[in-house]
């Protein structure tokens, strides 16, 4: 996998996790919110470790 594909896949995963977090928040599902928070932190850490600069919208609701 080339770098651009990795970056693209990472951005897709971040967007999906953010949407899942937002849905959990709307549903008041606090367990799912915790799970998605952990997932987003992990994805943000992966981005930072691999030099992927995230757009501000990709940082919410959890910042690395």
N, C-alpha and C. Protein backbone atom coordinates (compact mmCIF):
# COMPACT_ATOMS: atom_id res chain seq x y z
N UNK A 1 0.86 -1.18 0.00
CA UNK A 1 0.00 0.00 0.00
C UNK A 1 0.90 1.23 0.00
N UNK A 2 0.65 2.15 -0.92
CA UNK A 2 1.46 3.36 -0.95
C UNK A 2 0.96 4.35 0.10
N UNK A 3 1.76 5.38 0.32
CA UNK A 3 1.46 6.35 1.37
C UNK A 3 0.12 7.03 1.14
N UNK A 4 -0.17 7.41 -0.09
CA UNK A 4 -1.43 8.10 -0.35
C UNK A 4 -2.63 7.20 -0.08
N UNK A 5 -2.50 5.91 -0.37
CA UNK A 5 -3.59 4.97 -0.08
C UNK A 5 -3.76 4.80 1.43
N UNK A 6 -2.63 4.73 2.16
CA UNK A 6 -2.68 4.63 3.61
C UNK A 6 -3.38 5.86 4.19
N UNK A 7 -2.98 7.04 3.72
CA UNK A 7 -3.57 8.28 4.22
C UNK A 7 -5.07 8.33 3.90
N UNK A 8 -5.44 7.94 2.70
CA UNK A 8 -6.84 7.93 2.30
C UNK A 8 -7.65 6.97 3.17
N UNK A 9 -7.13 5.77 3.38
CA UNK A 9 -7.82 4.78 4.21
C UNK A 9 -7.96 5.28 5.65
N UNK A 10 -6.92 5.91 6.16
CA UNK A 10 -6.96 6.44 7.52
C UNK A 10 -8.03 7.51 7.65
N UNK A 11 -8.11 8.39 6.66
CA UNK A 11 -9.13 9.44 6.68
C UNK A 11 -10.55 8.86 6.62
N UNK A 12 -10.74 7.81 5.84
CA UNK A 12 -12.04 7.14 5.77
C UNK A 12 -12.39 6.54 7.12
N UNK A 13 -11.42 5.91 7.76
CA UNK A 13 -11.66 5.30 9.07
C UNK A 13 -11.98 6.36 10.12
N UNK A 14 -11.29 7.50 10.06
CA UNK A 14 -11.57 8.59 11.00
C UNK A 14 -12.98 9.13 10.79
N UNK A 15 -13.36 9.34 9.55
CA UNK A 15 -14.71 9.85 9.26
C UNK A 15 -15.78 8.88 9.75
N UNK A 16 -15.56 7.59 9.54
CA UNK A 16 -16.53 6.58 9.98
C UNK A 16 -16.62 6.55 11.50
N UNK A 17 -15.48 6.66 12.18
CA UNK A 17 -15.48 6.66 13.64
C UNK A 17 -16.16 7.91 14.19
N UNK A 18 -15.94 9.05 13.53
CA UNK A 18 -16.60 10.28 13.96
C UNK A 18 -18.12 10.18 13.79
N UNK A 19 -18.56 9.61 12.69
CA UNK A 19 -19.99 9.44 12.48
C UNK A 19 -20.58 8.47 13.51
N UNK A 20 -19.86 7.40 13.79
CA UNK A 20 -20.33 6.44 14.80
C UNK A 20 -20.39 7.10 16.18
N UNK A 21 -19.41 7.95 16.49
CA UNK A 21 -19.43 8.69 17.75
C UNK A 21 -20.65 9.60 17.80
N UNK A 22 -20.90 10.34 16.72
CA UNK A 22 -22.03 11.26 16.67
C UNK A 22 -23.36 10.51 16.84
N UNK A 23 -23.46 9.34 16.22
CA UNK A 23 -24.69 8.54 16.37
C UNK A 23 -24.84 8.06 17.80
N UNK A 24 -23.75 7.62 18.40
CA UNK A 24 -23.80 7.17 19.80
C UNK A 24 -24.20 8.32 20.71
N UNK A 25 -23.69 9.51 20.41
CA UNK A 25 -24.04 10.68 21.20
C UNK A 25 -25.54 10.99 21.07
N UNK A 26 -26.06 10.92 19.84
CA UNK A 26 -27.50 11.17 19.63
C UNK A 26 -28.34 10.13 20.37
N UNK A 27 -27.83 8.88 20.41
CA UNK A 27 -28.55 7.79 21.08
C UNK A 27 -28.32 7.77 22.59
N UNK A 28 -27.45 8.67 23.06
CA UNK A 28 -27.05 8.70 24.47
C UNK A 28 -26.49 7.34 24.92
N UNK A 29 -25.73 6.72 24.03
CA UNK A 29 -25.08 5.43 24.29
C UNK A 29 -23.66 5.72 24.75
N UNK A 30 -23.50 5.86 26.07
CA UNK A 30 -22.22 6.29 26.63
C UNK A 30 -21.13 5.24 26.47
N UNK A 31 -21.48 3.98 26.48
CA UNK A 31 -20.49 2.93 26.25
C UNK A 31 -19.93 3.05 24.83
N UNK A 32 -20.81 3.19 23.84
CA UNK A 32 -20.37 3.32 22.45
C UNK A 32 -19.55 4.60 22.27
N UNK A 33 -19.90 5.66 22.98
CA UNK A 33 -19.12 6.89 22.91
C UNK A 33 -17.70 6.65 23.42
N UNK A 34 -17.58 5.91 24.51
CA UNK A 34 -16.24 5.58 25.04
C UNK A 34 -15.44 4.74 24.05
N UNK A 35 -16.10 3.76 23.43
CA UNK A 35 -15.43 2.91 22.45
C UNK A 35 -14.94 3.75 21.29
N UNK A 36 -15.79 4.61 20.76
CA UNK A 36 -15.42 5.44 19.61
C UNK A 36 -14.35 6.46 19.99
N UNK A 37 -14.40 6.97 21.21
CA UNK A 37 -13.36 7.88 21.67
C UNK A 37 -12.00 7.19 21.64
N UNK A 38 -11.94 5.97 22.14
CA UNK A 38 -10.70 5.20 22.10
C UNK A 38 -10.25 4.93 20.68
N UNK A 39 -11.20 4.61 19.81
CA UNK A 39 -10.86 4.36 18.41
C UNK A 39 -10.29 5.61 17.75
N UNK A 40 -10.93 6.75 18.00
CA UNK A 40 -10.44 8.00 17.41
C UNK A 40 -9.07 8.39 17.95
N UNK A 41 -8.84 8.20 19.24
CA UNK A 41 -7.52 8.49 19.79
C UNK A 41 -6.47 7.61 19.13
N UNK A 42 -6.77 6.35 18.93
CA UNK A 42 -5.84 5.44 18.28
C UNK A 42 -5.57 5.85 16.84
N UNK A 43 -6.60 6.22 16.11
CA UNK A 43 -6.43 6.66 14.72
C UNK A 43 -5.63 7.95 14.64
N UNK A 44 -5.89 8.88 15.57
CA UNK A 44 -5.13 10.13 15.59
C UNK A 44 -3.66 9.87 15.91
N UNK A 45 -3.41 8.95 16.83
CA UNK A 45 -2.04 8.60 17.17
C UNK A 45 -1.34 7.98 15.95
N UNK A 46 -2.05 7.11 15.24
CA UNK A 46 -1.50 6.49 14.04
C UNK A 46 -1.18 7.56 12.99
N UNK A 47 -2.06 8.53 12.84
CA UNK A 47 -1.81 9.61 11.89
C UNK A 47 -0.56 10.39 12.28
N UNK A 48 -0.45 10.74 13.55
CA UNK A 48 0.70 11.51 14.01
C UNK A 48 2.00 10.73 13.82
N UNK A 49 1.97 9.44 14.14
CA UNK A 49 3.18 8.61 14.02
C UNK A 49 3.62 8.43 12.57
N UNK A 50 2.70 8.62 11.64
CA UNK A 50 3.02 8.42 10.23
C UNK A 50 3.04 9.72 9.43
N UNK A 51 3.05 10.84 10.14
CA UNK A 51 3.18 12.13 9.48
C UNK A 51 1.98 12.56 8.67
N UNK A 52 0.81 12.05 9.01
CA UNK A 52 -0.42 12.44 8.31
C UNK A 52 -1.01 13.64 9.05
N UNK A 53 -1.05 14.78 8.38
CA UNK A 53 -1.62 15.98 8.97
C UNK A 53 -3.12 15.96 8.77
N UNK A 54 -3.85 16.10 9.86
CA UNK A 54 -5.31 16.05 9.80
C UNK A 54 -5.89 17.44 9.70
N UNK A 55 -7.00 17.54 9.01
CA UNK A 55 -7.75 18.79 8.92
C UNK A 55 -8.44 19.02 10.26
N UNK A 56 -8.75 20.27 10.61
CA UNK A 56 -9.43 20.53 11.89
C UNK A 56 -10.70 19.71 12.09
N UNK A 57 -11.48 19.52 11.05
CA UNK A 57 -12.72 18.73 11.17
C UNK A 57 -12.44 17.27 11.52
N UNK A 58 -11.26 16.78 11.17
CA UNK A 58 -10.91 15.40 11.46
C UNK A 58 -10.46 15.21 12.91
N UNK A 59 -10.23 16.31 13.62
CA UNK A 59 -9.77 16.22 14.99
C UNK A 59 -10.91 16.11 15.99
N UNK A 60 -12.09 16.51 15.64
CA UNK A 60 -13.20 16.46 16.59
C UNK A 60 -13.90 15.15 16.53
N UNK A 61 -14.55 14.68 17.56
CA UNK A 61 -14.65 15.32 18.86
C UNK A 61 -13.47 15.04 19.77
N UNK A 62 -12.54 14.23 19.33
CA UNK A 62 -11.40 13.83 20.18
C UNK A 62 -10.13 14.33 19.52
N UNK A 63 -9.31 15.02 20.25
CA UNK A 63 -8.03 15.45 19.72
C UNK A 63 -6.94 14.55 20.27
N UNK A 64 -5.95 14.29 19.43
CA UNK A 64 -4.85 13.40 19.82
C UNK A 64 -4.01 14.00 20.92
